[in-house]
Protein backbone atom coordinates (compact mmCIF):
# COMPACT_ATOMS: atom_id res chain seq x y z
CA VAL A 1 23.10 9.27 13.57
CA TRP A 2 21.25 9.39 16.90
CA ARG A 3 21.40 7.15 19.92
CA GLY A 4 18.18 5.98 21.50
CA PRO A 5 17.74 8.69 24.17
CA ILE A 6 18.13 11.49 21.61
CA LYS A 7 15.56 9.89 19.29
CA LEU A 8 13.11 9.43 22.15
CA GLY A 9 13.64 13.02 23.27
CA ALA A 10 12.83 14.25 19.77
CA ILE A 11 9.63 12.18 19.69
CA GLN A 12 8.53 13.56 23.06
CA GLN A 13 9.30 17.08 21.82
CA PHE A 14 7.14 16.61 18.73
CA ILE A 15 4.27 15.40 20.89
CA GLY A 16 4.59 17.80 23.80
CA ASP A 17 6.07 21.00 22.36
CA VAL A 18 4.13 21.30 19.09
CA ALA A 19 0.75 23.07 19.25
CA TRP A 20 -1.08 20.61 17.02
CA GLY A 21 -4.44 22.09 17.99
CA GLU A 22 -7.70 20.30 17.22
CA LEU A 23 -7.19 17.46 14.78
CA ASP A 24 -9.44 15.04 13.00
CA HIS A 25 -6.74 12.38 13.28
CA LEU A 26 -3.04 12.29 14.12
CA ILE A 27 -1.22 9.47 12.33
CA ILE A 28 2.28 8.47 13.44
CA ASP A 29 4.30 6.21 11.16
CA PHE A 30 6.51 3.82 13.15
CA PRO A 31 9.52 1.88 11.89
CA PRO A 32 8.97 -1.88 11.51
CA GLY A 33 9.08 -4.06 14.59
CA THR A 34 8.75 -3.32 18.29
CA SER A 35 11.51 -0.79 18.91
CA ASP A 36 11.65 1.98 21.50
CA GLU A 37 9.79 4.46 19.28
CA PRO A 38 6.28 2.95 19.52
CA LEU A 39 6.70 2.34 23.24
CA THR A 40 7.67 5.99 23.81
CA VAL A 41 4.70 7.27 21.79
CA THR A 42 2.20 5.02 23.55
CA GLN A 43 3.50 6.16 26.92
CA SER A 44 3.33 9.82 25.83
CA LEU A 45 -0.17 9.44 24.35
CA PRO A 46 -1.97 7.05 26.72
CA LYS A 47 -5.34 7.75 25.06
CA MET A 48 -4.34 6.65 21.58
CA ASP A 49 -7.24 5.18 19.62
CA GLY A 50 -5.12 2.30 18.41
CA VAL A 51 -2.61 1.05 15.87
CA VAL A 52 -2.78 -0.18 12.30
CA ILE A 53 -0.38 -2.97 11.39
CA VAL A 54 0.95 -2.79 7.81
CA THR A 55 2.67 -5.88 6.44
CA THR A 56 3.75 -7.43 3.18
CA PRO A 57 2.59 -11.00 2.49
CA GLN A 58 5.85 -12.93 2.87
CA GLU A 59 6.45 -14.90 6.06
CA VAL A 60 9.48 -12.92 7.28
CA ALA A 61 7.42 -9.71 7.29
CA LEU A 62 4.50 -11.48 8.94
CA LEU A 63 6.74 -12.46 11.86
CA ASP A 64 7.31 -8.76 12.58
CA SER A 65 3.62 -7.97 12.21
CA ARG A 66 2.68 -10.66 14.74
CA LYS A 67 5.23 -9.25 17.17
CA SER A 68 3.70 -5.79 16.74
CA ILE A 69 0.21 -7.14 17.38
CA ASN A 70 1.38 -8.93 20.53
CA PHE A 71 3.19 -5.76 21.61
CA ALA A 72 -0.04 -3.75 21.26
CA LYS A 73 -2.04 -6.36 23.17
CA THR A 74 0.56 -6.45 25.95
CA ILE A 75 0.15 -2.72 26.63
CA ASN A 76 -3.64 -2.84 26.10
CA LEU A 77 -3.47 -0.75 22.92
CA PRO A 78 -6.31 -1.57 20.48
CA VAL A 79 -5.31 -3.01 17.12
CA LEU A 80 -7.57 -1.24 14.63
CA GLY A 81 -6.66 -3.69 11.91
CA VAL A 82 -4.12 -5.19 9.54
CA VAL A 83 -3.33 -3.91 6.03
CA GLU A 84 -1.58 -6.17 3.53
CA ASN A 85 0.68 -4.12 1.24
CA MET A 86 2.15 -5.15 -2.14
CA ARG A 87 -0.34 -7.99 -2.49
CA GLY A 88 -0.13 -8.43 -6.24
CA TYR A 89 1.00 -6.81 -9.48
CA THR A 90 -1.47 -6.77 -12.38
CA LEU A 91 -0.21 -7.21 -15.94
CA HIS A 92 -2.35 -5.90 -18.81
CA GLY A 93 -2.03 -6.71 -22.48
CA THR A 94 -3.82 -7.08 -25.81
CA ALA A 95 -3.67 -9.93 -28.31
CA ILE A 96 -3.82 -8.53 -31.85
CA ASN A 97 -3.62 -9.97 -35.35
CA ASP A 98 -1.48 -8.72 -38.25
CA ASP A 99 -4.08 -6.05 -39.02
CA GLY A 100 -3.89 -4.64 -35.50
CA ILE A 101 -7.33 -5.94 -34.54
CA GLY A 102 -7.85 -7.52 -31.13
CA ILE A 103 -8.27 -11.30 -31.07
CA SER A 104 -11.10 -12.43 -28.80
CA ASN A 105 -11.31 -15.61 -26.71
CA VAL A 106 -7.64 -16.51 -26.94
CA LYS A 107 -5.95 -18.40 -24.11
CA ILE A 108 -2.90 -16.59 -22.70
CA GLU A 109 -0.33 -18.42 -20.55
CA ILE A 110 1.95 -16.33 -18.31
CA ALA A 111 5.09 -17.57 -16.53
CA GLY A 112 4.51 -16.28 -13.01
CA PRO A 113 6.83 -16.13 -9.99
CA SER A 114 8.73 -19.35 -9.22
CA GLY A 115 7.78 -20.75 -12.62
CA GLN A 116 4.08 -20.88 -11.80
CA LYS A 117 1.87 -21.02 -14.91
CA ILE A 118 -1.04 -18.55 -14.89
CA ASN A 119 -3.74 -18.81 -17.54
CA THR A 120 -6.23 -16.20 -18.68
CA ASN A 121 -8.39 -15.50 -21.73
CA THR A 122 -8.78 -12.39 -23.86
CA ASP A 123 -12.09 -10.52 -23.92
CA GLU A 124 -14.06 -9.58 -27.04
CA GLU A 125 -11.57 -6.83 -27.87
CA GLY A 126 -8.51 -8.96 -27.25
CA ASN A 127 -7.64 -7.43 -23.88
CA TRP A 128 -6.40 -9.52 -20.98
CA ASP A 129 -5.02 -9.02 -17.47
CA VAL A 130 -3.54 -11.26 -14.81
CA MET A 131 -2.30 -10.69 -11.26
CA LEU A 132 1.15 -11.88 -10.25
CA ASP A 133 1.76 -12.57 -6.55
CA LEU A 134 5.30 -11.18 -6.38
CA PHE A 135 5.51 -11.51 -2.58
CA LYS A 136 2.92 -14.28 -2.11
CA SER A 137 -0.59 -13.20 -1.08
CA GLY A 138 -3.09 -13.55 1.72
CA GLY A 139 -0.53 -13.62 4.53
CA GLY A 140 -1.79 -10.42 6.13
CA GLU A 141 -5.38 -11.64 6.13
CA ASP A 142 -4.36 -15.01 7.56
CA SER A 143 -2.34 -13.31 10.32
CA ALA A 144 -5.28 -11.07 11.19
CA LYS A 145 -7.54 -14.10 11.60
CA GLU A 146 -4.88 -15.97 13.56
CA MET A 147 -4.33 -13.02 15.94
CA ASP A 148 -8.07 -12.23 16.16
CA VAL A 149 -7.84 -8.64 14.86
CA PRO A 150 -9.72 -6.98 11.96
CA PHE A 151 -8.41 -7.22 8.41
CA LEU A 152 -8.81 -3.82 6.74
CA GLY A 153 -7.86 -4.81 3.21
CA SER A 154 -4.96 -5.06 0.81
CA LEU A 155 -3.03 -2.68 -1.43
CA PRO A 156 -1.65 -3.79 -4.81
CA PHE A 157 1.97 -3.59 -5.86
CA ASP A 158 1.85 -0.44 -7.97
CA PRO A 159 4.94 1.15 -9.59
CA GLY A 160 2.85 4.31 -9.95
CA VAL A 161 3.20 4.85 -6.19
CA VAL A 162 6.99 5.02 -6.63
CA ARG A 163 6.68 7.45 -9.53
CA GLY A 164 4.26 9.54 -7.48
CA GLY A 165 6.76 9.75 -4.66
CA ASP A 166 9.44 10.99 -7.06
CA ASP A 167 7.10 13.40 -8.86
CA GLY A 168 5.37 14.68 -5.73
CA VAL A 169 1.89 13.67 -6.97
CA HIS A 170 0.20 10.93 -4.96
CA ARG A 171 -1.18 7.97 -6.90
CA ILE A 172 -4.69 8.68 -5.63
CA ILE A 173 -4.51 12.17 -7.18
CA SER A 174 -3.00 11.10 -10.48
CA GLU A 175 -5.42 8.17 -10.99
CA PRO A 176 -8.41 8.60 -8.64
CA GLU A 177 -10.39 5.77 -10.22
CA GLY A 178 -7.48 3.31 -10.34
CA ALA A 179 -7.18 0.07 -8.41
CA THR A 180 -4.77 1.57 -5.86
CA ALA A 181 -7.02 4.55 -5.12
CA LYS A 182 -10.04 2.27 -4.67
CA ALA A 183 -8.10 0.02 -2.31
CA PHE A 184 -6.94 3.01 -0.24
CA LYS A 185 -10.50 4.34 -0.09
CA THR A 186 -11.86 1.05 1.25
CA ILE A 187 -9.22 0.85 3.98
CA VAL A 188 -9.48 4.50 5.02
CA SER A 189 -13.28 4.40 5.09
CA GLN A 190 -13.21 1.48 7.51
CA LEU A 191 -10.66 3.23 9.71
CA ILE A 192 -12.58 6.50 9.83
CA GLU A 193 -15.80 4.68 10.67
CA THR A 194 -14.08 2.89 13.54
CA LEU A 195 -12.44 6.04 14.88
CA GLU A 196 -15.52 8.26 14.61
CA SER A 197 -17.69 5.72 16.38
CA ALA A 198 -15.27 5.92 19.32
CA ASP A 199 -14.75 9.70 19.34
CA ASP A 200 -16.93 12.12 17.39
CA ASN A 201 -15.00 15.21 18.50
CA GLY A 202 -11.54 14.25 17.31
CA ILE A 203 -8.51 14.77 19.51
CA THR A 204 -6.79 17.89 20.79
CA ILE A 205 -3.06 17.94 21.48
CA ILE A 206 -1.74 21.10 23.14
């Protein structure tokens, strides 16, 4: 349990007393909101390339993300973009007959969040999938447009990320061709392109 000055001292020590050397990128994960931590880091690293705002789609989270964007603009810190996390959870299933053979072209009705009815159809092998918006969707993209900053993309709600955290194997490693890995790749590629266009030599912190 640390009071503010001790936390800020630790942050300054990590930045100033660690020989990071030459880095491709240094990523600092801030707590939500506009607390003392991001202000301390931006003052300690005045040549930061910018910040990425990560939000979930529901309105309460979007309020914090808008505050963070305004905070960055107030101190003239570039907003590299907004990422919408936990956008939707995809259910997969198969309709089969008594012989275990998939039934094609069958209408499936799912009871979604808040009683919303979601309809889909099976394919030729009886497989179907549908996305449930557990925390709404599109809020991060709408906020990015409203605040005039780039929208980098969205990440699905994926229980495999939780399992990966417990097992110590990241979701991208365990399922490199999965939806989560592809979403991460799209976002990271855009970020790297933006950063490299601004600074081809990376940064050096000594």
